[in-house]
Amino acid sequence: DFYTHWGMNIVAIPKAVIQSVTRG
């Protein structure tokens, strides 16, 4: 989605945060 987002991929952030909580 490089040409459509504004610097961040909001949809992918929740998944990354959950991984951060579960993995430290």
PDB file of all heavy atoms in Angstrom:
ATOM      1  N   ASP A   1       0.818  -1.214   0.000  1.00  0.00           N
ATOM      2  CA  ASP A   1       0.000   0.000   0.000  1.00  0.00           C
ATOM      3  C   ASP A   1       0.852   1.265   0.000  1.00  0.00           C
ATOM      4  O   ASP A   1       0.396   2.337   0.419  1.00  0.00           O
ATOM      5  CB  ASP A   1      -0.922   0.006   1.229  1.00  0.00           C
ATOM      6  CG  ASP A   1      -1.865  -1.186   1.243  1.00  0.00           C
ATOM      7  OD1 ASP A   1      -2.374  -1.530   0.158  1.00  0.00           O
ATOM      8  OD2 ASP A   1      -2.074  -1.771   2.328  1.00  0.00           O
ATOM      9  N   PHE A   2       2.071   1.150  -0.465  1.00  0.00           N
ATOM     10  CA  PHE A   2       2.995   2.273  -0.367  1.00  0.00           C
ATOM     11  C   PHE A   2       2.424   3.547  -0.982  1.00  0.00           C
ATOM     12  O   PHE A   2       2.535   4.626  -0.403  1.00  0.00           O
ATOM     13  CB  PHE A   2       4.326   1.910  -1.056  1.00  0.00           C
ATOM     14  CG  PHE A   2       5.274   3.068  -1.195  1.00  0.00           C
ATOM     15  CD1 PHE A   2       5.930   3.581  -0.087  1.00  0.00           C
ATOM     16  CD2 PHE A   2       5.505   3.664  -2.436  1.00  0.00           C
ATOM     17  CE1 PHE A   2       6.802   4.660  -0.206  1.00  0.00           C
ATOM     18  CE2 PHE A   2       6.375   4.737  -2.565  1.00  0.00           C
ATOM     19  CZ  PHE A   2       7.023   5.236  -1.452  1.00  0.00           C
ATOM     20  N   TYR A   3       1.825   3.459  -2.145  1.00  0.00           N
ATOM     21  CA  TYR A   3       1.364   4.656  -2.838  1.00  0.00           C
ATOM     22  C   TYR A   3       0.029   5.182  -2.310  1.00  0.00           C
ATOM     23  O   TYR A   3      -0.458   6.202  -2.787  1.00  0.00           O
ATOM     24  CB  TYR A   3       1.267   4.392  -4.346  1.00  0.00           C
ATOM     25  CG  TYR A   3       2.623   4.453  -5.034  1.00  0.00           C
ATOM     26  CD1 TYR A   3       3.299   3.296  -5.380  1.00  0.00           C
ATOM     27  CD2 TYR A   3       3.231   5.674  -5.319  1.00  0.00           C
ATOM     28  CE1 TYR A   3       4.547   3.343  -6.001  1.00  0.00           C
ATOM     29  CE2 TYR A   3       4.467   5.734  -5.934  1.00  0.00           C
ATOM     30  CZ  TYR A   3       5.125   4.568  -6.270  1.00  0.00           C
ATOM     31  OH  TYR A   3       6.352   4.628  -6.878  1.00  0.00           O
ATOM     32  N   THR A   4      -0.586   4.509  -1.313  1.00  0.00           N
ATOM     33  CA  THR A   4      -1.875   4.972  -0.785  1.00  0.00           C
ATOM     34  C   THR A   4      -1.821   5.415   0.679  1.00  0.00           C
ATOM     35  O   THR A   4      -2.650   6.214   1.109  1.00  0.00           O
ATOM     36  CB  THR A   4      -2.924   3.856  -0.919  1.00  0.00           C
ATOM     37  OG1 THR A   4      -2.477   2.687  -0.206  1.00  0.00           O
ATOM     38  CG2 THR A   4      -3.159   3.508  -2.381  1.00  0.00           C
ATOM     39  N   HIS A   5      -0.854   4.915   1.470  1.00  0.00           N
ATOM     40  CA  HIS A   5      -0.821   5.329   2.874  1.00  0.00           C
ATOM     41  C   HIS A   5      -0.066   6.644   3.032  1.00  0.00           C
ATOM     42  O   HIS A   5       0.549   7.147   2.095  1.00  0.00           O
ATOM     43  CB  HIS A   5      -0.208   4.233   3.749  1.00  0.00           C
ATOM     44  CG  HIS A   5       1.237   3.921   3.460  1.00  0.00           C
ATOM     45  ND1 HIS A   5       2.262   4.816   3.638  1.00  0.00           N
ATOM     46  CD2 HIS A   5       1.827   2.771   3.001  1.00  0.00           C
ATOM     47  CE1 HIS A   5       3.406   4.266   3.325  1.00  0.00           C
ATOM     48  NE2 HIS A   5       3.180   3.022   2.917  1.00  0.00           N
ATOM     49  N   TRP A   6      -0.133   7.210   4.224  1.00  0.00           N
ATOM     50  CA  TRP A   6       0.506   8.501   4.510  1.00  0.00           C
ATOM     51  C   TRP A   6       1.686   8.357   5.472  1.00  0.00           C
ATOM     52  O   TRP A   6       2.014   9.264   6.231  1.00  0.00           O
ATOM     53  CB  TRP A   6      -0.502   9.498   5.089  1.00  0.00           C
ATOM     54  CG  TRP A   6      -1.445   8.894   6.102  1.00  0.00           C
ATOM     55  CD1 TRP A   6      -2.622   8.248   5.855  1.00  0.00           C
ATOM     56  CD2 TRP A   6      -1.258   8.876   7.533  1.00  0.00           C
ATOM     57  NE1 TRP A   6      -3.192   7.822   7.027  1.00  0.00           N
ATOM     58  CE2 TRP A   6      -2.382   8.206   8.078  1.00  0.00           C
ATOM     59  CE3 TRP A   6      -0.280   9.352   8.400  1.00  0.00           C
ATOM     60  CZ2 TRP A   6      -2.535   8.003   9.443  1.00  0.00           C
ATOM     61  CZ3 TRP A   6      -0.447   9.157   9.755  1.00  0.00           C
ATOM     62  CH2 TRP A   6      -1.564   8.487  10.266  1.00  0.00           C
ATOM     63  N   GLY A   7       2.336   7.204   5.400  1.00  0.00           N
ATOM     64  CA  GLY A   7       3.537   6.997   6.189  1.00  0.00           C
ATOM     65  C   GLY A   7       3.432   5.829   7.133  1.00  0.00           C
ATOM     66  O   GLY A   7       4.433   5.221   7.497  1.00  0.00           O
ATOM     67  N   MET A   8       2.201   5.514   7.578  1.00  0.00           N
ATOM     68  CA  MET A   8       1.983   4.392   8.491  1.00  0.00           C
ATOM     69  C   MET A   8       0.878   3.510   7.945  1.00  0.00           C
ATOM     70  O   MET A   8      -0.038   3.983   7.274  1.00  0.00           O
ATOM     71  CB  MET A   8       1.587   4.894   9.887  1.00  0.00           C
ATOM     72  CG  MET A   8       2.671   5.687  10.604  1.00  0.00           C
ATOM     73  SD  MET A   8       2.223   6.042  12.316  1.00  0.00           S
ATOM     74  CE  MET A   8       0.744   7.018  12.098  1.00  0.00           C
ATOM     75  N   ASN A   9       0.958   2.227   8.282  1.00  0.00           N
ATOM     76  CA  ASN A   9      -0.083   1.279   7.917  1.00  0.00           C
ATOM     77  C   ASN A   9      -0.917   1.013   9.165  1.00  0.00           C
ATOM     78  O   ASN A   9      -0.578   0.170   9.994  1.00  0.00           O
ATOM     79  CB  ASN A   9       0.554  -0.016   7.388  1.00  0.00           C
ATOM     80  CG  ASN A   9      -0.473  -0.943   6.773  1.00  0.00           C
ATOM     81  OD1 ASN A   9      -1.659  -0.884   7.111  1.00  0.00           O
ATOM     82  ND2 ASN A   9      -0.020  -1.807   5.879  1.00  0.00           N
ATOM     83  N   ILE A  10      -2.007   1.739   9.302  1.00  0.00           N
ATOM     84  CA  ILE A  10      -2.828   1.687  10.518  1.00  0.00           C
ATOM     85  C   ILE A  10      -3.377   0.285  10.752  1.00  0.00           C
ATOM     86  O   ILE A  10      -3.466  -0.195  11.885  1.00  0.00           O
ATOM     87  CB  ILE A  10      -3.988   2.693  10.431  1.00  0.00           C
ATOM     88  CG1 ILE A  10      -3.442   4.117  10.243  1.00  0.00           C
ATOM     89  CG2 ILE A  10      -4.845   2.612  11.683  1.00  0.00           C
ATOM     90  CD1 ILE A  10      -2.587   4.578  11.390  1.00  0.00           C
ATOM     91  N   VAL A  11      -3.712  -0.414   9.663  1.00  0.00           N
ATOM     92  CA  VAL A  11      -4.314  -1.738   9.793  1.00  0.00           C
ATOM     93  C   VAL A  11      -3.340  -2.722  10.429  1.00  0.00           C
ATOM     94  O   VAL A  11      -3.732  -3.612  11.193  1.00  0.00           O
ATOM     95  CB  VAL A  11      -4.763  -2.251   8.405  1.00  0.00           C
ATOM     96  CG1 VAL A  11      -5.315  -3.656   8.505  1.00  0.00           C
ATOM     97  CG2 VAL A  11      -5.800  -1.306   7.805  1.00  0.00           C
ATOM     98  N   ALA A  12      -2.048  -2.568  10.129  1.00  0.00           N
ATOM     99  CA  ALA A  12      -1.061  -3.524  10.626  1.00  0.00           C
ATOM    100  C   ALA A  12      -0.595  -3.227  12.042  1.00  0.00           C
ATOM    101  O   ALA A  12       0.012  -4.077  12.680  1.00  0.00           O
ATOM    102  CB  ALA A  12       0.142  -3.542   9.691  1.00  0.00           C
ATOM    103  N   ILE A  13      -0.896  -2.040  12.556  1.00  0.00           N
ATOM    104  CA  ILE A  13      -0.393  -1.655  13.876  1.00  0.00           C
ATOM    105  C   ILE A  13      -0.960  -2.517  15.002  1.00  0.00           C
ATOM    106  O   ILE A  13      -0.203  -2.954  15.877  1.00  0.00           O
ATOM    107  CB  ILE A  13      -0.652  -0.157  14.132  1.00  0.00           C
ATOM    108  CG1 ILE A  13       0.257   0.679  13.228  1.00  0.00           C
ATOM    109  CG2 ILE A  13      -0.407   0.194  15.597  1.00  0.00           C
ATOM    110  CD1 ILE A  13       0.053   2.164  13.347  1.00  0.00           C
ATOM    111  N   PRO A  14      -2.280  -2.794  15.056  1.00  0.00           N
ATOM    112  CA  PRO A  14      -2.803  -3.613  16.159  1.00  0.00           C
ATOM    113  C   PRO A  14      -2.100  -4.965  16.271  1.00  0.00           C
ATOM    114  O   PRO A  14      -1.770  -5.414  17.372  1.00  0.00           O
ATOM    115  CB  PRO A  14      -4.282  -3.790  15.799  1.00  0.00           C
ATOM    116  CG  PRO A  14      -4.598  -2.576  14.987  1.00  0.00           C
ATOM    117  CD  PRO A  14      -3.379  -2.297  14.193  1.00  0.00           C
ATOM    118  N   LYS A  15      -1.843  -5.604  15.133  1.00  0.00           N
ATOM    119  CA  LYS A  15      -1.160  -6.895  15.149  1.00  0.00           C
ATOM    120  C   LYS A  15       0.241  -6.750  15.727  1.00  0.00           C
ATOM    121  O   LYS A  15       0.692  -7.573  16.532  1.00  0.00           O
ATOM    122  CB  LYS A  15      -1.093  -7.462  13.731  1.00  0.00           C
ATOM    123  CG  LYS A  15      -0.371  -8.800  13.650  1.00  0.00           C
ATOM    124  CD  LYS A  15      -0.323  -9.297  12.203  1.00  0.00           C
ATOM    125  CE  LYS A  15       0.447 -10.613  12.115  1.00  0.00           C
ATOM    126  NZ  LYS A  15       0.536 -11.106  10.713  1.00  0.00           N
ATOM    127  N   ALA A  16       0.922  -5.685  15.372  1.00  0.00           N
ATOM    128  CA  ALA A  16       2.274  -5.469  15.871  1.00  0.00           C
ATOM    129  C   ALA A  16       2.277  -5.194  17.360  1.00  0.00           C
ATOM    130  O   ALA A  16       3.151  -5.652  18.090  1.00  0.00           O
ATOM    131  CB  ALA A  16       2.922  -4.303  15.118  1.00  0.00           C
ATOM    132  N   VAL A  17       1.251  -4.448  17.845  1.00  0.00           N
ATOM    133  CA  VAL A  17       1.175  -4.135  19.273  1.00  0.00           C
ATOM    134  C   VAL A  17       0.916  -5.402  20.079  1.00  0.00           C
ATOM    135  O   VAL A  17       1.497  -5.620  21.147  1.00  0.00           O
ATOM    136  CB  VAL A  17       0.087  -3.086  19.537  1.00  0.00           C
ATOM    137  CG1 VAL A  17      -0.128  -2.902  21.034  1.00  0.00           C
ATOM    138  CG2 VAL A  17       0.459  -1.763  18.896  1.00  0.00           C
ATOM    139  N   ILE A  18       0.013  -6.259  19.588  1.00  0.00           N
ATOM    140  CA  ILE A  18      -0.278  -7.522  20.273  1.00  0.00           C
ATOM    141  C   ILE A  18       0.989  -8.364  20.379  1.00  0.00           C
ATOM    142  O   ILE A  18       1.288  -8.951  21.422  1.00  0.00           O
ATOM    143  CB  ILE A  18      -1.390  -8.296  19.514  1.00  0.00           C
ATOM    144  CG1 ILE A  18      -2.711  -7.539  19.628  1.00  0.00           C
ATOM    145  CG2 ILE A  18      -1.525  -9.716  20.066  1.00  0.00           C
ATOM    146  CD1 ILE A  18      -3.818  -8.120  18.765  1.00  0.00           C
ATOM    147  N   GLN A  19       1.790  -8.422  19.269  1.00  0.00           N
ATOM    148  CA  GLN A  19       3.046  -9.159  19.302  1.00  0.00           C
ATOM    149  C   GLN A  19       4.005  -8.563  20.319  1.00  0.00           C
ATOM    150  O   GLN A  19       4.726  -9.277  21.012  1.00  0.00           O
ATOM    151  CB  GLN A  19       3.694  -9.149  17.912  1.00  0.00           C
ATOM    152  CG  GLN A  19       2.956 -10.003  16.885  1.00  0.00           C
ATOM    153  CD  GLN A  19       3.595  -9.917  15.503  1.00  0.00           C
ATOM    154  OE1 GLN A  19       4.364  -9.006  15.242  1.00  0.00           O
ATOM    155  NE2 GLN A  19       3.260 -10.858  14.635  1.00  0.00           N
ATOM    156  N   SER A  20       4.003  -7.241  20.432  1.00  0.00           N
ATOM    157  CA  SER A  20       4.878  -6.584  21.398  1.00  0.00           C
ATOM    158  C   SER A  20       4.509  -6.955  22.822  1.00  0.00           C
ATOM    159  O   SER A  20       5.374  -7.201  23.659  1.00  0.00           O
ATOM    160  CB  SER A  20       4.802  -5.063  21.219  1.00  0.00           C
ATOM    161  OG  SER A  20       5.538  -4.400  22.209  1.00  0.00           O
ATOM    162  N   VAL A  21       3.170  -7.037  23.117  1.00  0.00           N
ATOM    163  CA  VAL A  21       2.715  -7.370  24.469  1.00  0.00           C
ATOM    164  C   VAL A  21       3.038  -8.821  24.807  1.00  0.00           C
ATOM    165  O   VAL A  21       3.480  -9.150  25.904  1.00  0.00           O
ATOM    166  CB  VAL A  21       1.200  -7.103  24.606  1.00  0.00           C
ATOM    167  CG1 VAL A  21       0.690  -7.618  25.951  1.00  0.00           C
ATOM    168  CG2 VAL A  21       0.914  -5.624  24.463  1.00  0.00           C
ATOM    169  N   THR A  22       2.822  -9.705  23.843  1.00  0.00           N
ATOM    170  CA  THR A  22       3.027 -11.132  24.105  1.00  0.00           C
ATOM    171  C   THR A  22       4.501 -11.529  24.129  1.00  0.00           C
ATOM    172  O   THR A  22       4.874 -12.508  24.750  1.00  0.00           O
ATOM    173  CB  THR A  22       2.298 -11.973  23.040  1.00  0.00           C
ATOM    174  OG1 THR A  22       2.776 -11.598  21.736  1.00  0.00           O
ATOM    175  CG2 THR A  22       0.797 -11.740  23.113  1.00  0.00           C
ATOM    176  N   ARG A  23       5.358 -10.744  23.442  1.00  0.00           N
ATOM    177  CA  ARG A  23       6.777 -11.102  23.348  1.00  0.00           C
ATOM    178  C   ARG A  23       7.697 -10.206  24.182  1.00  0.00           C
ATOM    179  O   ARG A  23       8.900 -10.298  24.106  1.00  0.00           O
ATOM    180  CB  ARG A  23       7.241 -11.035  21.891  1.00  0.00           C
ATOM    181  CG  ARG A  23       6.507 -12.017  20.990  1.00  0.00           C
ATOM    182  CD  ARG A  23       6.976 -11.877  19.553  1.00  0.00           C
ATOM    183  NE  ARG A  23       6.232 -12.748  18.657  1.00  0.00           N
ATOM    184  CZ  ARG A  23       6.417 -12.796  17.340  1.00  0.00           C
ATOM    185  NH1 ARG A  23       7.329 -12.029  16.787  1.00  0.00           N
ATOM    186  NH2 ARG A  23       5.693 -13.610  16.599  1.00  0.00           N
ATOM    187  N   GLY A  24       7.122  -9.323  24.969  1.00  0.00           N
ATOM    188  CA  GLY A  24       7.958  -8.431  25.766  1.00  0.00           C
ATOM    189  C   GLY A  24       8.017  -7.051  25.138  1.00  0.00           C
ATOM    190  O   GLY A  24       7.042  -6.562  24.583  1.00  0.00           O
TER     191      GLY A  24
END
